[in-house]
């Protein structure tokens, strides 16, 4: 099982956010490390943002680009903060931009430096997570 910090080295992780009913909703995402936390970029209107605002508990596990998780993988718990302040988003985009380079610029298009319509999920270790 990777530690919380090691998840930042993965190309993709499956991020599970939780509905009010408690049902988990996994999504394959890019992730990068910054200052003991992990960052994920998404659209501000994404379902995972709504779920994170309702319940800060998340689970993370390495996955493939399609979201396939090794059957023996053990999720790591975390707690998420939704960041929508433009200056803070620009700052938190740096590790993602550095890690994914050209891929990041291609996927973000001309918006690679603009936080408009974007949110950052800032994830810190949850109870029982090894750092």
N, C-alpha and C. Protein backbone atom coordinates (compact mmCIF):
# COMPACT_ATOMS: atom_id res chain seq x y z
N UNK A 1 0.85 -1.18 0.00
CA UNK A 1 0.00 0.00 0.00
C UNK A 1 0.90 1.25 0.00
N UNK A 2 0.68 2.16 -0.94
CA UNK A 2 1.49 3.38 -0.94
C UNK A 2 1.09 4.28 0.23
N UNK A 3 2.06 5.06 0.68
CA UNK A 3 1.76 6.04 1.72
C UNK A 3 1.02 7.21 1.07
N UNK A 4 0.49 8.07 1.89
CA UNK A 4 -0.20 9.26 1.38
C UNK A 4 0.74 10.06 0.48
N UNK A 5 1.96 10.31 0.95
CA UNK A 5 2.93 11.10 0.18
C UNK A 5 3.27 10.43 -1.15
N UNK A 6 3.39 9.10 -1.16
CA UNK A 6 3.74 8.37 -2.38
C UNK A 6 2.65 8.46 -3.44
N UNK A 7 1.42 8.71 -3.03
CA UNK A 7 0.33 8.84 -4.02
C UNK A 7 0.60 10.02 -4.96
N UNK A 8 1.32 11.03 -4.49
CA UNK A 8 1.65 12.17 -5.33
C UNK A 8 2.59 11.82 -6.47
N UNK A 9 3.26 10.67 -6.40
CA UNK A 9 4.15 10.22 -7.46
C UNK A 9 3.42 9.41 -8.53
N UNK A 10 2.21 9.00 -8.23
CA UNK A 10 1.42 8.21 -9.19
C UNK A 10 0.98 9.10 -10.36
N UNK A 11 0.87 8.52 -11.54
CA UNK A 11 0.37 9.28 -12.69
C UNK A 11 -1.11 9.55 -12.54
N UNK A 12 -1.86 8.53 -12.12
CA UNK A 12 -3.30 8.67 -11.89
C UNK A 12 -3.65 8.04 -10.55
N UNK A 13 -4.61 8.62 -9.88
CA UNK A 13 -5.20 8.00 -8.70
C UNK A 13 -6.72 8.00 -8.87
N UNK A 14 -7.32 7.02 -8.26
CA UNK A 14 -8.77 6.99 -8.19
C UNK A 14 -9.16 7.73 -6.92
N UNK A 15 -9.84 8.85 -7.11
CA UNK A 15 -10.30 9.68 -6.00
C UNK A 15 -11.77 9.35 -5.77
N UNK A 16 -12.07 8.87 -4.57
CA UNK A 16 -13.46 8.56 -4.24
C UNK A 16 -13.99 9.64 -3.31
N UNK A 17 -15.05 10.31 -3.77
CA UNK A 17 -15.80 11.25 -2.95
C UNK A 17 -17.10 10.58 -2.58
N UNK A 18 -17.79 11.11 -1.58
CA UNK A 18 -18.94 10.39 -1.04
C UNK A 18 -20.22 11.22 -1.12
N UNK A 19 -21.26 10.57 -1.61
CA UNK A 19 -22.59 11.20 -1.66
C UNK A 19 -23.15 11.30 -0.25
N UNK A 20 -24.21 12.08 -0.10
CA UNK A 20 -24.86 12.21 1.22
C UNK A 20 -25.32 10.86 1.74
N UNK A 21 -25.66 9.94 0.83
CA UNK A 21 -26.10 8.60 1.22
C UNK A 21 -24.95 7.74 1.74
N UNK A 22 -23.70 8.21 1.53
CA UNK A 22 -22.53 7.44 1.93
C UNK A 22 -21.93 6.64 0.78
N UNK A 23 -22.62 6.61 -0.36
CA UNK A 23 -22.13 5.87 -1.52
C UNK A 23 -20.90 6.58 -2.10
N UNK A 24 -19.83 5.81 -2.34
CA UNK A 24 -18.61 6.35 -2.91
C UNK A 24 -18.69 6.47 -4.42
N UNK A 25 -18.10 7.54 -4.95
CA UNK A 25 -18.07 7.77 -6.40
C UNK A 25 -16.59 7.96 -6.79
N UNK A 26 -15.98 6.92 -7.41
CA UNK A 26 -14.58 7.02 -7.79
C UNK A 26 -14.40 7.73 -9.13
N UNK A 27 -13.31 8.50 -9.24
CA UNK A 27 -12.97 9.20 -10.47
C UNK A 27 -11.45 9.16 -10.63
N UNK A 28 -10.97 8.78 -11.82
CA UNK A 28 -9.54 8.81 -12.10
C UNK A 28 -9.11 10.26 -12.32
N UNK A 29 -8.07 10.70 -11.60
CA UNK A 29 -7.61 12.08 -11.68
C UNK A 29 -6.09 12.14 -11.69
N UNK A 30 -5.57 13.28 -12.20
CA UNK A 30 -4.16 13.61 -12.03
C UNK A 30 -3.97 14.10 -10.61
N UNK A 31 -2.79 13.89 -10.08
CA UNK A 31 -2.50 14.31 -8.70
C UNK A 31 -1.03 14.73 -8.61
N UNK A 32 -0.77 15.70 -7.77
CA UNK A 32 0.61 16.12 -7.50
C UNK A 32 0.73 16.48 -6.02
N UNK A 33 1.96 16.42 -5.53
CA UNK A 33 2.23 16.75 -4.13
C UNK A 33 2.66 18.20 -3.99
N UNK A 34 2.26 18.79 -2.86
CA UNK A 34 2.72 20.12 -2.51
C UNK A 34 2.63 20.30 -1.00
N UNK A 35 3.73 20.55 -0.37
CA UNK A 35 3.75 20.87 1.05
C UNK A 35 3.02 19.89 1.95
N UNK A 36 3.17 18.59 1.73
CA UNK A 36 2.50 17.60 2.57
C UNK A 36 1.06 17.30 2.19
N UNK A 37 0.57 17.97 1.16
CA UNK A 37 -0.80 17.74 0.69
C UNK A 37 -0.76 17.28 -0.77
N UNK A 38 -1.89 16.83 -1.26
CA UNK A 38 -2.04 16.46 -2.66
C UNK A 38 -3.00 17.44 -3.31
N UNK A 39 -2.77 17.73 -4.59
CA UNK A 39 -3.65 18.64 -5.33
C UNK A 39 -4.22 17.94 -6.55
N UNK A 40 -5.49 18.24 -6.82
CA UNK A 40 -6.22 17.74 -7.98
C UNK A 40 -6.95 18.93 -8.58
N UNK A 41 -6.89 19.06 -9.90
CA UNK A 41 -7.63 20.14 -10.58
C UNK A 41 -8.90 19.56 -11.17
N UNK A 42 -9.96 20.36 -11.16
CA UNK A 42 -11.23 19.93 -11.73
C UNK A 42 -12.05 21.16 -12.09
N UNK A 43 -13.16 20.93 -12.75
CA UNK A 43 -14.10 22.01 -13.03
C UNK A 43 -14.84 22.35 -11.73
N UNK A 44 -15.09 23.63 -11.52
CA UNK A 44 -15.77 24.06 -10.30
C UNK A 44 -17.18 23.46 -10.18
N UNK A 45 -17.78 23.12 -11.32
CA UNK A 45 -19.14 22.58 -11.32
C UNK A 45 -19.18 21.05 -11.30
N UNK A 46 -18.03 20.40 -11.18
CA UNK A 46 -17.97 18.94 -11.19
C UNK A 46 -18.67 18.34 -9.98
N UNK A 47 -19.23 17.17 -10.17
CA UNK A 47 -19.91 16.47 -9.08
C UNK A 47 -19.00 16.22 -7.89
N UNK A 48 -17.73 15.93 -8.15
CA UNK A 48 -16.81 15.66 -7.03
C UNK A 48 -16.62 16.89 -6.15
N UNK A 49 -16.75 18.09 -6.73
CA UNK A 49 -16.65 19.32 -5.95
C UNK A 49 -17.86 19.43 -5.03
N UNK A 50 -19.03 19.19 -5.57
CA UNK A 50 -20.26 19.24 -4.77
C UNK A 50 -20.19 18.22 -3.63
N UNK A 51 -19.76 17.01 -3.96
CA UNK A 51 -19.68 15.97 -2.92
C UNK A 51 -18.63 16.33 -1.87
N UNK A 52 -17.50 16.89 -2.30
CA UNK A 52 -16.43 17.26 -1.35
C UNK A 52 -16.90 18.37 -0.42
N UNK A 53 -17.71 19.28 -0.93
CA UNK A 53 -18.23 20.34 -0.06
C UNK A 53 -19.19 19.78 0.99
N UNK A 54 -19.91 18.73 0.65
CA UNK A 54 -20.86 18.12 1.58
C UNK A 54 -20.18 17.17 2.57
N UNK A 55 -19.07 16.55 2.12
CA UNK A 55 -18.39 15.57 2.96
C UNK A 55 -16.90 15.62 2.60
N UNK A 56 -16.04 16.09 3.49
CA UNK A 56 -14.62 16.24 3.16
C UNK A 56 -13.84 14.93 3.13
N UNK A 57 -14.45 13.83 3.50
CA UNK A 57 -13.75 12.54 3.51
C UNK A 57 -13.57 12.05 2.07
N UNK A 58 -12.33 11.63 1.75
CA UNK A 58 -12.04 11.03 0.44
C UNK A 58 -11.18 9.81 0.63
N UNK A 59 -11.14 8.98 -0.38
CA UNK A 59 -10.22 7.84 -0.43
C UNK A 59 -9.47 7.91 -1.74
N UNK A 60 -8.19 7.55 -1.69
CA UNK A 60 -7.35 7.57 -2.88
C UNK A 60 -6.63 6.24 -3.03
N UNK A 61 -6.48 5.82 -4.28
CA UNK A 61 -5.77 4.58 -4.57
C UNK A 61 -5.19 4.71 -5.98
N UNK A 62 -3.97 4.20 -6.22
CA UNK A 62 -3.42 4.27 -7.58
C UNK A 62 -4.34 3.56 -8.57
N UNK A 63 -4.38 4.10 -9.80
CA UNK A 63 -5.21 3.49 -10.83
C UNK A 63 -4.62 3.75 -12.21
N UNK A 64 -5.23 3.15 -13.22
CA UNK A 64 -4.85 3.39 -14.61
C UNK A 64 -5.59 4.63 -15.11
N UNK A 65 -5.26 5.07 -16.32
CA UNK A 65 -5.93 6.22 -16.92
C UNK A 65 -7.44 6.01 -17.01
N UNK A 66 -7.85 4.76 -17.16
CA UNK A 66 -9.29 4.46 -17.26
C UNK A 66 -9.95 4.28 -15.90
N UNK A 67 -9.15 4.38 -14.82
CA UNK A 67 -9.71 4.24 -13.48
C UNK A 67 -9.64 2.84 -12.93
N UNK A 68 -8.99 1.91 -13.66
CA UNK A 68 -8.89 0.53 -13.17
C UNK A 68 -7.94 0.48 -11.98
N UNK A 69 -8.43 -0.12 -10.91
CA UNK A 69 -7.69 -0.25 -9.65
C UNK A 69 -7.30 -1.70 -9.45
N UNK A 70 -6.08 -1.93 -9.00
CA UNK A 70 -5.62 -3.28 -8.69
C UNK A 70 -6.55 -3.85 -7.61
N UNK A 71 -7.02 -5.07 -7.78
CA UNK A 71 -7.96 -5.63 -6.80
C UNK A 71 -7.41 -5.73 -5.38
N UNK A 72 -6.09 -5.77 -5.23
CA UNK A 72 -5.48 -5.86 -3.90
C UNK A 72 -5.16 -4.49 -3.31
N UNK A 73 -5.43 -3.42 -4.05
CA UNK A 73 -5.09 -2.07 -3.59
C UNK A 73 -5.92 -1.68 -2.37
N UNK A 74 -5.25 -1.03 -1.43
CA UNK A 74 -5.92 -0.57 -0.21
C UNK A 74 -6.01 0.95 -0.27
N UNK A 75 -7.20 1.52 -0.20
CA UNK A 75 -7.35 2.97 -0.27
C UNK A 75 -6.70 3.69 0.91
N UNK A 76 -6.22 4.89 0.63
CA UNK A 76 -5.66 5.77 1.65
C UNK A 76 -6.69 6.86 1.91
N UNK A 77 -6.98 7.12 3.18
CA UNK A 77 -7.98 8.13 3.51
C UNK A 77 -7.38 9.53 3.54
N UNK A 78 -8.20 10.49 3.17
CA UNK A 78 -7.79 11.87 3.21
C UNK A 78 -8.97 12.76 3.51
N UNK A 79 -8.66 14.04 3.68
CA UNK A 79 -9.68 15.05 3.91
C UNK A 79 -9.45 16.14 2.87
N UNK A 80 -10.52 16.61 2.25
CA UNK A 80 -10.40 17.54 1.13
C UNK A 80 -10.93 18.92 1.49
N UNK A 81 -10.23 19.92 0.95
CA UNK A 81 -10.68 21.31 1.01
C UNK A 81 -10.86 21.76 -0.44
N UNK A 82 -11.98 22.38 -0.75
CA UNK A 82 -12.23 22.89 -2.09
C UNK A 82 -11.70 24.32 -2.15
N UNK A 83 -10.77 24.56 -3.07
CA UNK A 83 -10.15 25.87 -3.22
C UNK A 83 -10.67 26.51 -4.51
N UNK A 84 -11.27 27.70 -4.38
CA UNK A 84 -11.80 28.40 -5.56
C UNK A 84 -11.25 29.82 -5.70
N UNK A 85 -10.43 30.26 -4.75
CA UNK A 85 -9.84 31.60 -4.83
C UNK A 85 -8.80 31.62 -5.94
N UNK A 86 -8.95 32.52 -6.94
CA UNK A 86 -8.07 32.52 -8.11
C UNK A 86 -6.58 32.54 -7.80
N UNK A 87 -6.12 33.38 -6.87
CA UNK A 87 -4.69 33.46 -6.57
C UNK A 87 -4.17 32.15 -6.00
N UNK A 88 -4.98 31.55 -5.17
CA UNK A 88 -4.56 30.28 -4.55
C UNK A 88 -4.56 29.15 -5.59
N UNK A 89 -5.52 29.16 -6.51
CA UNK A 89 -5.55 28.15 -7.57
C UNK A 89 -4.29 28.26 -8.42
N UNK A 90 -3.93 29.47 -8.83
CA UNK A 90 -2.73 29.66 -9.64
C UNK A 90 -1.51 29.07 -8.93
N UNK A 91 -1.41 29.33 -7.63
CA UNK A 91 -0.29 28.81 -6.84
C UNK A 91 -0.32 27.28 -6.80
N UNK A 92 -1.49 26.69 -6.57
CA UNK A 92 -1.60 25.25 -6.43
C UNK A 92 -1.54 24.50 -7.77
N UNK A 93 -1.68 25.22 -8.88
CA UNK A 93 -1.53 24.59 -10.19
C UNK A 93 -0.07 24.27 -10.51
N UNK A 94 0.85 24.99 -9.88
CA UNK A 94 2.28 24.83 -10.21
C UNK A 94 2.77 23.39 -10.14
N UNK A 95 2.49 22.65 -9.06
CA UNK A 95 3.01 21.27 -9.03
C UNK A 95 2.40 20.38 -10.12
N UNK A 96 1.15 20.62 -10.47
CA UNK A 96 0.52 19.84 -11.55
C UNK A 96 1.16 20.20 -12.89
N UNK A 97 1.36 21.49 -13.12
CA UNK A 97 1.97 21.94 -14.37
C UNK A 97 3.37 21.37 -14.51
N UNK A 98 4.13 21.38 -13.41
CA UNK A 98 5.50 20.86 -13.42
C UNK A 98 5.51 19.35 -13.66
N UNK A 99 4.65 18.62 -12.98
CA UNK A 99 4.63 17.16 -13.07
C UNK A 99 4.18 16.68 -14.45
N UNK A 100 3.13 17.27 -15.00
CA UNK A 100 2.53 16.76 -16.23
C UNK A 100 2.99 17.51 -17.49
N UNK A 101 3.68 18.64 -17.32
CA UNK A 101 4.31 19.35 -18.43
C UNK A 101 3.42 19.58 -19.63
N UNK A 102 3.87 19.10 -20.78
CA UNK A 102 3.15 19.32 -22.03
C UNK A 102 1.74 18.73 -21.98
N UNK A 103 1.59 17.56 -21.37
CA UNK A 103 0.25 16.97 -21.23
C UNK A 103 -0.70 17.94 -20.54
N UNK A 104 -0.21 18.57 -19.50
CA UNK A 104 -1.03 19.51 -18.74
C UNK A 104 -1.46 20.68 -19.63
N UNK A 105 -0.49 21.24 -20.35
CA UNK A 105 -0.81 22.39 -21.21
C UNK A 105 -1.78 22.01 -22.31
N UNK A 106 -1.63 20.82 -22.87
CA UNK A 106 -2.54 20.36 -23.93
C UNK A 106 -3.96 20.17 -23.36
N UNK A 107 -4.06 19.51 -22.21
CA UNK A 107 -5.37 19.25 -21.62
C UNK A 107 -6.06 20.52 -21.13
N UNK A 108 -5.27 21.45 -20.64
CA UNK A 108 -5.85 22.69 -20.12
C UNK A 108 -6.05 23.72 -21.22
N UNK A 109 -5.42 23.52 -22.37
CA UNK A 109 -5.55 24.45 -23.49
C UNK A 109 -5.05 25.83 -23.10
N UNK A 110 -5.70 26.84 -23.58
CA UNK A 110 -5.27 28.20 -23.29
C UNK A 110 -5.56 28.58 -21.84
N UNK A 111 -6.26 27.72 -21.12
CA UNK A 111 -6.60 28.00 -19.72
C UNK A 111 -5.54 27.51 -18.74
N UNK A 112 -4.36 27.11 -19.23
CA UNK A 112 -3.42 26.48 -18.32
C UNK A 112 -2.92 27.41 -17.21
N UNK A 113 -3.14 28.70 -17.33
CA UNK A 113 -2.75 29.62 -16.25
C UNK A 113 -3.95 30.37 -15.69
N UNK A 114 -5.12 30.08 -16.19
CA UNK A 114 -6.31 30.80 -15.77
C UNK A 114 -7.17 29.92 -14.86
N UNK A 115 -7.51 30.41 -13.69
CA UNK A 115 -8.33 29.61 -12.78
C UNK A 115 -9.84 29.70 -13.03
N UNK A 116 -10.26 30.50 -14.01
CA UNK A 116 -11.70 30.71 -14.24
C UNK A 116 -12.41 29.37 -14.45
N UNK A 117 -13.44 29.14 -13.64
CA UNK A 117 -14.25 27.93 -13.76
C UNK A 117 -13.60 26.68 -13.20
N UNK A 118 -12.46 26.84 -12.56
CA UNK A 118 -11.72 25.70 -12.02
C UNK A 118 -11.76 25.70 -10.50
N UNK A 119 -11.50 24.52 -9.96
CA UNK A 119 -11.35 24.37 -8.51
C UNK A 119 -10.18 23.42 -8.28
N UNK A 120 -9.53 23.62 -7.17
CA UNK A 120 -8.48 22.69 -6.73
C UNK A 120 -9.03 21.94 -5.54
N UNK A 121 -8.83 20.63 -5.55
CA UNK A 121 -9.12 19.82 -4.38
C UNK A 121 -7.79 19.66 -3.66
N UNK A 122 -7.67 20.24 -2.50
CA UNK A 122 -6.46 20.18 -1.68
C UNK A 122 -6.70 19.10 -0.63
N UNK A 123 -5.94 18.01 -0.74
CA UNK A 123 -6.20 16.83 0.07
C UNK A 123 -5.07 16.63 1.08
N UNK A 124 -5.45 16.48 2.34
CA UNK A 124 -4.50 16.21 3.41
C UNK A 124 -4.76 14.82 3.96
N UNK A 125 -3.76 14.22 4.62
CA UNK A 125 -3.95 12.86 5.14
C UNK A 125 -5.12 12.78 6.11
N UNK A 126 -5.88 11.72 6.00
CA UNK A 126 -6.99 11.48 6.92
C UNK A 126 -6.57 10.58 8.06
N UNK A 127 -7.51 10.25 8.89
CA UNK A 127 -7.24 9.37 10.03
C UNK A 127 -6.68 8.04 9.54
N UNK A 128 -5.60 7.63 10.11
CA UNK A 128 -5.02 6.32 9.78
C UNK A 128 -4.13 6.32 8.56
N UNK A 129 -4.00 7.45 7.85
CA UNK A 129 -3.14 7.50 6.66
C UNK A 129 -1.69 7.58 7.10
N UNK A 130 -0.84 6.78 6.44
CA UNK A 130 0.59 6.87 6.71
C UNK A 130 1.19 7.89 5.76
N UNK A 131 2.05 8.74 6.29
CA UNK A 131 2.64 9.78 5.45
C UNK A 131 3.98 9.37 4.90
